[in-house]
Protein backbone atom coordinates (compact mmCIF):
# COMPACT_ATOMS: atom_id res chain seq x y z
CA UNK A 1 -77.52 -78.65 41.13
CA UNK A 2 -80.03 -81.15 39.92
CA UNK A 3 -82.69 -81.97 42.02
CA UNK A 4 -81.91 -85.60 41.46
CA UNK A 5 -78.54 -85.15 43.14
CA UNK A 6 -78.88 -82.86 45.84
CA UNK A 7 -81.67 -84.78 47.54
CA UNK A 8 -84.99 -82.54 46.91
CA UNK A 9 -86.56 -84.88 44.53
CA UNK A 10 -87.31 -87.27 47.26
CA UNK A 11 -89.08 -84.79 49.22
CA UNK A 12 -90.95 -83.16 46.58
CA UNK A 13 -91.82 -86.56 44.82
CA UNK A 14 -93.35 -87.82 48.15
CA UNK A 15 -95.24 -84.77 48.43
CA UNK A 16 -96.72 -84.36 45.36
CA UNK A 17 -97.80 -88.04 44.48
CA UNK A 18 -99.34 -87.90 48.34
CA UNK A 19 -101.44 -84.88 47.28
CA UNK A 20 -102.01 -86.09 43.63
CA UNK A 21 -103.60 -89.53 44.82
CA UNK A 22 -105.63 -87.80 47.28
CA UNK A 23 -106.97 -84.91 44.85
CA UNK A 24 -107.69 -87.90 42.63
CA UNK A 25 -109.50 -89.63 44.92
CA UNK A 26 -113.22 -87.67 44.58
CA UNK A 27 -113.35 -88.67 41.24
CA UNK A 28 -111.98 -92.25 41.28
CA UNK A 29 -113.68 -93.26 44.23
CA UNK A 30 -117.14 -92.19 43.05
CA UNK A 31 -116.75 -94.26 39.88
CA UNK A 32 -115.75 -97.18 41.80
CA UNK A 33 -118.56 -96.56 44.33
CA UNK A 34 -120.73 -96.39 41.32
CA UNK A 35 -119.74 -99.73 39.76
CA UNK A 36 -119.65 -101.51 42.57
CA UNK A 37 -122.99 -101.30 43.82
CA UNK A 38 -124.50 -104.14 44.81
CA UNK A 39 -121.23 -106.21 45.84
CA UNK A 40 -119.94 -106.74 49.50
CA UNK A 41 -117.55 -105.45 51.21
CA UNK A 42 -115.75 -108.59 51.05
CA UNK A 43 -115.62 -108.63 47.10
CA UNK A 44 -114.59 -104.88 46.89
CA UNK A 45 -111.47 -105.39 49.21
CA UNK A 46 -110.47 -108.44 47.26
CA UNK A 47 -111.02 -107.43 43.65
CA UNK A 48 -110.81 -103.29 43.65
CA UNK A 49 -108.18 -102.97 46.53
CA UNK A 50 -105.74 -106.49 46.88
CA UNK A 51 -105.54 -107.86 43.09
CA UNK A 52 -104.53 -104.43 41.66
CA UNK A 53 -102.51 -103.59 44.28
CA UNK A 54 -100.42 -106.92 43.69
CA UNK A 55 -100.45 -106.58 40.11
CA UNK A 56 -98.87 -102.87 40.42
CA UNK A 57 -96.14 -104.43 42.98
CA UNK A 58 -95.12 -107.00 40.49
CA UNK A 59 -95.36 -104.68 37.66
CA UNK A 60 -92.71 -102.06 39.50
CA UNK A 61 -90.90 -104.48 41.08
CA UNK A 62 -90.18 -106.24 37.37
CA UNK A 63 -89.85 -103.05 35.91
CA UNK A 64 -88.07 -101.27 38.23
CA UNK A 65 -85.37 -103.87 38.69
CA UNK A 66 -85.00 -104.44 34.78
CA UNK A 67 -84.16 -100.65 34.65
CA UNK A 68 -82.03 -100.60 37.65
CA UNK A 69 -79.88 -103.67 36.29
CA UNK A 70 -79.97 -102.11 32.66
CA UNK A 71 -78.55 -98.47 34.39
CA UNK A 72 -76.04 -100.07 36.24
CA UNK A 73 -74.87 -102.73 33.50
CA UNK A 74 -74.62 -99.73 31.21
CA UNK A 75 -77.23 -101.42 28.69
CA UNK A 76 -78.58 -98.59 28.04
CA UNK A 77 -78.98 -94.72 29.31
CA UNK A 78 -82.00 -94.58 30.95
CA UNK A 79 -81.18 -91.49 32.53
CA UNK A 80 -80.51 -89.44 29.37
CA UNK A 81 -83.42 -91.11 27.76
CA UNK A 82 -85.85 -89.63 30.77
CA UNK A 83 -84.36 -86.30 30.66
CA UNK A 84 -85.51 -85.39 26.94
CA UNK A 85 -88.78 -87.25 27.35
CA UNK A 86 -90.39 -88.35 30.67
CA UNK A 87 -92.34 -91.02 29.07
CA UNK A 88 -89.90 -92.65 26.71
CA UNK A 89 -88.22 -94.68 29.77
CA UNK A 90 -90.40 -97.46 29.33
CA UNK A 91 -90.02 -97.87 25.77
CA UNK A 92 -86.00 -97.18 25.85
CA UNK A 93 -85.87 -100.07 28.32
CA UNK A 94 -88.18 -102.57 26.21
CA UNK A 95 -85.86 -101.57 23.29
CA UNK A 96 -83.12 -103.65 24.95
CA UNK A 97 -85.07 -107.02 24.81
CA UNK A 98 -86.23 -109.42 22.32
CA UNK A 99 -89.61 -108.85 21.27
CA UNK A 100 -89.06 -105.08 22.48
CA UNK A 101 -91.15 -103.63 19.90
CA UNK A 102 -94.27 -105.83 20.26
CA UNK A 103 -93.80 -105.43 24.00
CA UNK A 104 -94.11 -101.49 23.53
CA UNK A 105 -97.31 -102.18 21.61
CA UNK A 106 -98.56 -103.95 24.41
CA UNK A 107 -97.44 -101.03 26.83
CA UNK A 108 -99.00 -98.43 24.66
CA UNK A 109 -102.00 -100.14 24.06
CA UNK A 110 -102.07 -100.72 28.08
CA UNK A 111 -101.68 -97.11 28.87
CA UNK A 112 -104.16 -96.02 25.83
CA UNK A 113 -106.80 -97.93 28.18
CA UNK A 114 -105.84 -96.71 31.16
CA UNK A 115 -106.29 -92.98 29.86
CA UNK A 116 -109.70 -93.64 28.11
CA UNK A 117 -110.80 -95.22 31.49
CA UNK A 118 -109.73 -92.53 33.63
CA UNK A 119 -111.13 -89.64 31.31
CA UNK A 120 -114.68 -91.64 31.58
CA UNK A 121 -114.30 -92.06 35.24
CA UNK A 122 -113.61 -88.53 35.30
CA UNK A 123 -116.71 -87.05 33.02
CA UNK A 124 -118.83 -89.78 34.18
CA UNK A 125 -118.63 -88.23 38.13
CA UNK A 126 -118.32 -84.78 36.66
CA UNK A 127 -121.86 -85.08 34.87
CA UNK A 128 -123.00 -86.90 37.94
CA UNK A 129 -122.45 -84.49 40.31
CA UNK A 130 -123.73 -81.51 37.70
CA UNK A 131 -126.88 -83.72 37.39
CA UNK A 132 -127.40 -83.32 41.19
CA UNK A 133 -126.37 -86.89 41.96
CA UNK A 134 -128.07 -88.63 39.16
CA UNK A 135 -127.16 -92.04 39.25
CA UNK A 136 -127.12 -92.31 35.53
CA UNK A 137 -126.27 -88.82 33.63
CA UNK A 138 -127.20 -87.98 30.29
CA UNK A 139 -124.78 -88.82 27.36
CA UNK A 140 -124.71 -85.32 26.26
CA UNK A 141 -123.75 -84.34 29.98
CA UNK A 142 -121.15 -86.73 30.11
CA UNK A 143 -119.78 -85.76 26.52
CA UNK A 144 -119.56 -82.30 27.46
CA UNK A 145 -117.61 -83.18 30.59
CA UNK A 146 -115.18 -84.78 28.87
CA UNK A 147 -114.50 -82.72 26.27
CA UNK A 148 -113.91 -80.04 28.87
CA UNK A 149 -111.95 -81.92 31.34
CA UNK A 150 -109.81 -83.23 28.01
CA UNK A 151 -109.62 -79.68 26.52
CA UNK A 152 -107.93 -78.37 29.80
CA UNK A 153 -105.42 -81.36 29.59
CA UNK A 154 -104.52 -80.68 26.19
CA UNK A 155 -104.09 -76.69 27.43
CA UNK A 156 -101.92 -77.91 30.22
CA UNK A 157 -99.67 -80.08 28.14
CA UNK A 158 -99.15 -77.32 25.15
CA UNK A 159 -98.72 -74.35 27.80
CA UNK A 160 -96.44 -76.33 30.43
CA UNK A 161 -98.86 -75.73 33.05
CA UNK A 162 -98.45 -79.08 34.50
CA UNK A 163 -96.08 -77.31 37.39
CA UNK A 164 -99.11 -75.23 38.12
CA UNK A 165 -101.47 -78.13 38.09
CA UNK A 166 -99.27 -79.87 40.44
CA UNK A 167 -99.18 -76.89 42.87
CA UNK A 168 -102.83 -76.93 42.47
CA UNK A 169 -103.30 -80.46 43.53
CA UNK A 170 -101.09 -80.06 46.71
CA UNK A 171 -103.26 -77.22 47.78
CA UNK A 172 -106.33 -78.55 47.20
CA UNK A 173 -105.70 -81.88 48.78
CA UNK A 174 -104.62 -80.62 52.07
CA UNK A 175 -108.52 -79.94 52.88
CA UNK A 176 -109.68 -82.96 51.53
CA UNK A 177 -107.48 -85.06 53.76
CA UNK A 178 -109.70 -83.63 56.84
CA UNK A 179 -112.80 -85.15 54.91
CA UNK A 180 -110.63 -88.49 53.84
CA UNK A 181 -109.95 -88.94 57.71
CA UNK A 182 -113.83 -88.32 58.75
CA UNK A 183 -114.84 -90.89 55.68
CA UNK A 184 -112.61 -93.35 57.50
CA UNK A 185 -114.12 -92.80 60.98
CA UNK A 186 -117.68 -92.90 59.47
CA UNK A 187 -116.68 -96.11 57.91
CA UNK A 188 -115.73 -97.52 60.96
CA UNK A 189 -118.61 -96.62 63.04
CA UNK A 190 -120.57 -97.87 60.08
CA UNK A 191 -118.92 -101.41 60.52
CA UNK A 192 -119.45 -101.46 63.89
CA UNK A 193 -123.21 -100.72 63.67
CA UNK A 194 -123.41 -103.61 61.74
CA UNK A 195 -121.73 -105.81 63.46
CA UNK A 196 -123.97 -105.07 66.64
CA UNK A 197 -126.92 -105.62 64.57
CA UNK A 198 -125.53 -109.25 64.08
């Protein structure tokens, strides 16, 4: 029986994405901390946490709702499209709308920008860590790590190694959860000290 129907998918999905985001935190967190230097906590919360979260809620609501309506109405068989190719869902959905081709181009450009930005942040942080915390790592070091990370991604995609990567992310995320809890406690203590100084 398929995981979508026997109830296993719901449990697997939650665990994997929980672990995936925790495993991704060191890269994204380090990069955001670097580019947010000089900004206040209020600015950081508004522009890095609240506004992107709001945009994502709206996008999930619009596209998710449209996909559910299209599937229920029988306009398009999204389930079959996703079974054949996981990444084709959004493009299959947009093909049912007027100007869907142009919307698909916009989605493709957005995905490309997202992937380039993610790769840049990962290679930047890896180069920074391997340069003993240097805030401006050399271009050569960033290029090397960008090449290494890109090559690893291609190998994983070509060898169907994504399941191994999912398992590894779950295993690696567990110890980092403890580090994240310690970091949250440290932030609360730091804010408490700042308030006492005022």
